[in-house]
């Protein structure tokens, strides 16, 4: 893969410089001169993968803050990228194919073909032995890693194109989301449909299986995220909507939280079991196209249509304030450390008191975050 000189705007920002709306923005990581359609983070949280509208895929080193390489991956826009969990490389999706690339090679290791239209979405099993792809047809395709040019085609009963897909980690279940707002659930052993769901009022753009395939999260251009029982197709939760279409969702490593990226320029953080909208992140000035958790579950990355890529923090404070904000405020308001500067109080004494107040506030955050973690243990998805 050839090394390219790419102009990056690198701006490191301390959280104290931001307004309340962008308090948890850790860093404006970089700005690229193309639209980034998709991003992914490796397990070590050291590399960022970016797929662009310019047909290119780019690898960015998060430690050195420099691009490592860029290559033209497809003859049309790269719509999706993801690191491999099996190989020392990554996958790209674009045009009518998807590819496996190994680091250090300028040609793909594997080329998965057989789609007659552009692949609209891609998902794979944990072992990367089965793959499912959407299409601009009323069908999806199912590849085995031993037959990369001969996918199985499954015709759905949906009235419009299958634009989103998901496959359970064990490869037993497939979900297909359509422009007609429906979701179909399929069994891969029998290749038969098990459930059809009238899910949304607009196209279903994202699907994610959780809890070993027991539940399915869906997101739509209607602004809603919903949780479904896979066995019955019954709706379990409807999450507070965005004002405009959702573009992508990502589930936290522990599968307790979900992030939503939307065209209203915001990112939502939700508790999957309770349905609570815990926080809404503001800083993007353009539609947010993708969002990805880091492997620790304490932060994430996002990109927007103007080429901005941000790094965010998911801190203890967010949870402490959402669930125990009143209790925290009561303790702060009753503590004299937080009173205004007193008459006759020297600057040095006032500064010392401010420092003590900040330490007390951090102690409160730790205290109530611990209470949140105990509360979280009791929050289960109720069918």
Foldseek 3Di string as FASTA:
>chain_A
DDADDFDWDWDADQLVVDDPQASFFGTQLTFGQFFFQEWEADQVRQWIWTWGQVQKIWIAGPVVSGTDHMARNDPGGFNYKYAQPPAQFIKTFWWQWIFTCHPPDRDTPDIAHAGPTGFQEKEAANVRQKMKTWGQAQWIWIDGPVCRHDTDIAHDPDPGTFREKYAFNVRQKMWTWGQCQKIWIAGPVVRDTQDIESHDPGTWHYWDADDRRQKMWIFGQVFWIWIAGRNYRDTQDIADGDPGGWQYKDAALVRQWMWTFFQVQKIWIAGVLVRDGLDIHHDGPGGWNDKYAHNVRQWIWTGGRSRTITIGGNDLQSQLCRVPVVVLVVVLVVDPLPDPDDVPQDPVNNVVSVVVSVVVSVVSSVVSSVVSVVVSVPRDHDD
